[in-house]
Protein backbone atom coordinates (compact mmCIF):
# COMPACT_ATOMS: atom_id res chain seq x y z
CA MET A 1 76.07 96.14 90.96
CA ARG A 2 79.87 96.01 91.00
CA TRP A 3 81.53 92.70 91.79
CA LEU A 4 85.22 92.49 92.59
CA GLN A 5 87.80 90.25 94.20
CA TYR A 6 90.28 91.37 96.83
CA MET A 7 93.01 89.67 98.83
CA ASP A 8 91.95 88.57 102.31
CA LYS A 9 94.84 87.03 104.29
CA GLY A 10 96.46 85.91 101.06
CA VAL A 11 93.28 84.41 99.58
CA PRO A 12 91.07 86.04 96.88
CA ARG A 13 87.59 86.82 98.12
CA TYR A 14 84.55 88.19 96.31
CA GLY A 15 82.92 91.41 97.37
CA ILE A 16 80.30 93.90 96.21
CA LEU A 17 81.36 97.53 95.87
CA THR A 18 78.92 100.16 97.13
CA ASP A 19 79.20 103.82 98.09
CA ALA A 20 79.95 102.64 101.63
CA GLY A 21 82.82 100.37 100.59
CA ILE A 22 83.23 96.67 99.94
CA THR A 23 80.70 94.19 101.32
CA PRO A 24 82.34 90.74 101.61
CA VAL A 25 80.57 87.81 99.94
CA GLU A 26 80.77 84.10 100.68
CA GLY A 27 80.54 82.07 97.49
CA SER A 28 80.67 83.14 93.86
CA PRO A 29 78.54 85.43 91.67
CA PHE A 30 78.42 82.56 89.15
CA ASP A 31 76.87 80.23 91.73
CA GLN A 32 75.24 80.50 95.14
CA TYR A 33 76.47 83.18 97.52
CA THR A 34 75.61 85.03 100.73
CA VAL A 35 76.27 88.71 101.38
CA GLY A 36 77.92 89.77 104.62
CA ASN A 37 76.86 92.63 106.88
CA GLN A 38 80.15 94.46 107.30
CA SER A 39 81.91 96.94 105.03
CA LEU A 40 85.57 97.54 104.15
CA PRO A 41 87.05 100.72 102.66
CA LEU A 42 88.14 100.17 99.07
CA SER A 43 91.46 101.84 99.90
CA SER A 44 92.20 99.22 102.59
CA VAL A 45 92.40 96.20 100.26
CA ARG A 46 94.43 95.04 97.26
CA LEU A 47 92.29 94.18 94.28
CA THR A 48 93.01 91.05 92.28
CA LEU A 49 91.40 89.85 89.05
CA PRO A 50 87.64 90.41 89.32
CA PHE A 51 87.21 86.72 88.40
CA VAL A 52 89.26 83.91 86.90
CA PRO A 53 87.75 83.09 83.49
CA ARG A 54 86.97 79.60 82.27
CA THR A 55 87.58 80.39 78.58
CA PHE A 56 89.24 83.53 77.24
CA TYR A 57 87.75 84.50 73.86
CA ALA A 58 89.42 87.41 72.06
CA VAL A 59 87.74 89.34 69.26
CA GLY A 60 90.03 90.88 66.65
CA GLN A 61 89.60 93.67 64.09
CA ASN A 62 86.16 94.61 65.38
CA TYR A 63 86.41 98.38 64.79
CA ALA A 64 86.87 99.92 61.35
CA ALA A 65 90.00 102.06 61.74
CA HIS A 66 91.84 99.46 63.79
CA ALA A 67 90.99 96.69 61.33
CA LYS A 68 92.37 98.68 58.40
CA ASN A 69 95.65 99.31 60.28
CA TYR A 70 95.97 95.81 61.71
CA PRO A 71 99.29 94.05 60.91
CA GLY A 72 98.62 91.84 57.91
CA ALA A 73 95.43 93.63 56.78
CA LYS A 74 95.22 93.51 52.99
CA ALA A 75 93.72 96.03 50.60
CA GLY A 76 91.27 94.49 48.21
CA THR A 77 89.68 92.19 50.80
CA PRO A 78 86.04 92.89 51.75
CA ALA A 79 85.64 96.57 52.55
CA GLN A 80 89.42 97.07 52.11
CA GLY A 81 90.58 95.05 55.08
CA LEU A 82 87.37 94.90 57.12
CA PRO A 83 86.34 91.42 58.25
CA ALA A 84 83.34 89.89 56.50
CA LYS A 85 82.19 87.84 59.50
CA PRO A 86 82.77 87.59 63.26
CA ASP A 87 85.88 85.59 64.18
CA VAL A 88 87.45 84.90 67.55
CA ALA A 89 90.74 83.61 68.90
CA TYR A 90 91.76 82.22 72.28
CA ARG A 91 94.15 83.83 74.74
CA ALA A 92 96.40 82.33 77.40
CA HIS A 93 95.35 82.82 81.02
CA SER A 94 99.03 83.34 81.92
CA GLY A 95 98.86 86.89 80.57
CA LEU A 96 96.14 88.00 83.00
CA ILE A 97 97.03 90.53 85.68
CA ALA A 98 94.90 92.79 87.86
CA HIS A 99 94.37 96.53 88.14
CA ASP A 100 97.53 98.33 89.33
CA GLU A 101 99.78 95.34 88.67
CA PRO A 102 102.78 95.98 86.37
CA VAL A 103 102.99 95.01 82.71
CA VAL A 104 106.49 93.64 82.11
CA ILE A 105 108.12 94.74 78.83
CA PRO A 106 110.34 91.97 77.43
CA ARG A 107 113.87 93.20 76.72
CA ASP A 108 113.65 92.30 73.03
CA SER A 109 110.36 94.16 72.56
CA THR A 110 110.58 97.05 70.09
CA SER A 111 106.96 98.14 69.49
CA LEU A 112 104.55 97.60 72.39
CA HIS A 113 100.99 98.97 72.13
CA TYR A 114 97.88 99.15 74.29
CA GLU A 115 94.42 98.04 73.17
CA GLY A 116 91.62 99.24 75.44
CA GLU A 117 88.74 96.79 75.27
CA LEU A 118 85.30 96.06 76.65
CA VAL A 119 85.21 92.64 78.31
CA VAL A 120 81.91 90.72 78.32
CA VAL A 121 81.45 88.24 81.17
CA ILE A 122 79.14 85.29 80.56
CA GLY A 123 76.86 84.34 83.43
CA LYS A 124 74.54 81.68 81.98
CA ARG A 125 75.28 78.44 80.16
CA GLY A 126 74.07 78.24 76.57
CA LYS A 127 74.40 76.54 73.21
CA ARG A 128 73.03 77.77 69.86
CA ILE A 129 71.99 81.06 71.43
CA SER A 130 70.00 83.43 69.23
CA ARG A 131 71.04 87.05 68.87
CA GLU A 132 67.72 88.05 70.43
CA SER A 133 68.46 86.14 73.64
CA ALA A 134 72.23 86.72 73.76
CA PHE A 135 72.14 89.35 76.49
CA ASP A 136 70.24 86.94 78.76
CA HIS A 137 73.56 85.11 79.02
CA VAL A 138 75.63 88.17 80.00
CA PHE A 139 76.49 88.61 83.66
CA GLY A 140 78.29 91.92 83.31
CA TYR A 141 81.22 93.85 81.89
CA THR A 142 84.75 94.77 82.86
CA ILE A 143 87.78 96.36 81.15
CA GLY A 144 90.78 94.81 79.42
CA ASN A 145 94.03 96.06 77.94
CA ASP A 146 95.10 93.67 75.18
CA VAL A 147 98.80 94.57 75.20
CA SER A 148 100.32 93.78 71.79
CA GLU A 149 103.90 93.55 70.51
CA ARG A 150 103.57 94.70 66.90
CA SER A 151 107.00 93.70 65.62
CA TRP A 152 106.37 90.11 66.77
CA GLN A 153 102.93 90.15 65.13
CA ARG A 154 104.57 90.94 61.81
CA ILE A 155 107.22 88.20 61.90
CA ASP A 156 105.49 85.32 63.76
CA ARG A 157 103.01 83.01 62.06
CA THR A 158 100.70 83.22 65.10
CA PRO A 159 100.31 85.80 67.92
CA TRP A 160 101.49 83.27 70.51
CA ARG A 161 103.90 85.75 72.14
CA ALA A 162 102.74 89.07 70.67
CA LYS A 163 99.41 88.72 72.50
CA ASN A 164 100.10 86.08 75.17
CA ALA A 165 103.36 86.99 76.88
CA ASP A 166 103.22 87.11 80.67
CA THR A 167 101.35 90.20 81.99
CA PHE A 168 100.04 91.18 78.53
CA SER A 169 96.35 90.96 79.57
CA PRO A 170 95.52 93.42 82.38
CA MET A 171 91.85 93.21 83.41
CA GLY A 172 89.62 94.89 85.99
CA PRO A 173 89.07 96.57 88.29
CA TRP A 174 85.61 95.00 88.78
CA ILE A 175 82.56 93.62 86.95
CA GLU A 176 79.71 96.07 86.42
CA THR A 177 76.35 94.33 85.94
CA GLU A 178 74.26 97.42 85.04
CA VAL A 179 75.51 98.71 81.69
CA ASN A 180 73.90 100.57 78.78
CA LEU A 181 76.17 99.72 75.87
CA SER A 182 74.88 102.55 73.68
CA ARG A 183 76.11 105.16 76.16
CA LEU A 184 79.63 103.89 76.73
CA GLN A 185 82.81 105.62 75.65
CA THR A 186 86.29 104.14 75.82
CA MET A 187 89.23 106.43 76.61
CA VAL A 188 92.89 105.52 76.92
CA ARG A 189 95.41 107.78 78.65
CA VAL A 190 99.19 107.46 78.77
CA ASN A 191 100.78 109.29 81.70
CA GLY A 192 97.55 111.26 82.12
CA ALA A 193 97.29 112.46 78.51
CA GLU A 194 94.38 111.14 76.46
CA CYS A 195 95.55 109.28 73.35
CA THR A 196 92.42 107.42 72.26
CA ARG A 197 88.66 107.95 72.54
CA PHE A 198 85.84 106.10 70.78
CA ARG A 199 82.25 105.00 71.22
CA THR A 200 82.53 101.57 72.78
CA ASN A 201 79.54 100.12 70.97
CA ASP A 202 80.67 101.22 67.49
CA MET A 203 81.72 97.65 66.73
CA LEU A 204 81.64 96.00 63.34
CA PHE A 205 79.95 93.02 65.02
CA GLY A 206 78.16 93.51 68.33
CA VAL A 207 78.22 91.60 71.59
CA ASP A 208 75.03 89.72 70.67
CA THR A 209 76.44 88.71 67.29
CA PHE A 210 79.60 87.19 68.79
CA ILE A 211 77.79 85.36 71.58
CA SER A 212 75.37 83.85 69.08
CA ALA A 213 78.05 82.98 66.51
CA VAL A 214 80.39 81.24 68.94
CA SER A 215 77.59 79.38 70.72
CA GLN A 216 76.53 77.68 67.49
CA TYR A 217 79.59 75.46 67.90
CA VAL A 218 80.85 75.92 71.47
CA THR A 219 78.78 75.74 74.65
CA LEU A 220 79.26 78.96 76.62
CA GLN A 221 79.70 78.58 80.37
CA PRO A 222 79.39 80.96 83.34
CA GLY A 223 82.77 82.61 83.76
CA ASP A 224 83.67 82.63 80.07
CA MET A 225 84.61 86.03 78.69
CA PHE A 226 84.86 87.89 75.39
CA TRP A 227 87.33 90.73 74.83
CA MET A 228 85.57 92.80 72.19
CA GLY A 229 88.41 94.51 70.34
CA THR A 230 89.60 98.11 70.14
CA GLU A 231 89.55 101.16 67.88
CA GLY A 232 92.36 103.36 66.66
CA THR A 233 96.11 103.01 67.15
CA SER A 234 98.55 103.30 70.03
CA PRO A 235 101.88 105.05 70.46
CA ASP A 236 104.90 102.88 71.25
CA LEU A 237 104.96 102.43 75.02
CA LYS A 238 108.07 102.93 77.13
CA PRO A 239 109.22 101.73 80.55
CA GLU A 240 107.47 103.64 83.38
CA ASP A 241 104.54 104.66 81.18
CA VAL A 242 101.22 104.42 83.03
CA VAL A 243 98.27 103.38 80.87
CA GLU A 244 94.71 103.99 82.01
CA VAL A 245 91.79 102.45 80.12
CA GLU A 246 88.49 104.06 81.13
CA ILE A 247 85.06 102.94 79.99
CA THR A 248 82.35 105.29 81.17
CA GLY A 249 79.88 103.61 83.49
CA ILE A 250 82.32 100.82 84.33
CA GLY A 251 85.54 102.29 85.72
CA VAL A 252 89.26 102.75 85.10
CA LEU A 253 91.89 100.04 84.61
CA ARG A 254 95.39 101.34 85.40
CA ASN A 255 98.76 99.61 84.92
CA ARG A 256 102.38 100.73 84.87
CA PHE A 257 104.74 99.34 82.23
CA VAL A 258 108.15 98.25 83.53
CA LEU A 259 111.21 96.82 81.81
CA GLU A 260 111.97 93.15 82.37
CA ASP A 261 114.83 92.52 84.81
CA ALA A 262 118.15 91.54 83.26
């Protein structure tokens, strides 16, 4: 099942996407809801964020090649720069934008990269969750682009602006609830040309590991989300570049990059 949100007279509204179009829903997929009996063409609506997260967990350095090339990675650490345990950070909600909304490039940016990521959406409250039961707490999956300003990452003590500037977290276009992680591939295209491709589930630490690890200390709530990291590297992005992040079985997240107004 594919859950999305679209604008209805200026107000976000949940819907379920089927072959026939969008079926409007009253309520929330994280609570009680009722399904309508009409259908809207997908092309007739403007999609917004598929949901507004409660807590935004971000996983870093979770694929081998990316971890070894990450700014600040040090040779001589475990596995020559590979993390020894699962770690997470938090992201600002202010960076979130929807499918087809523009990413704004700050005028003092010099090295802006994409990071195509699987996003895990939590649907069930839990504390001290075992790895064996972790997927019982997953509602579904969507797509994220963790836009990153590399020059700022190298000079700032924290990624407060390199990862959290306005519009730096595109997400969407919907939540897919029926996913086989072992079959997924992530592809990133810039202006239609493929630049990155990797097996989505080739993570250093899997979805179940992160859910279990975080829940030992923090109670997970419906509407929390984990961005699971990326593989490979990105070219420097330019104004008017269009970046598409596709994860097979889920969909395509597309955003244009535009230069900040003077």
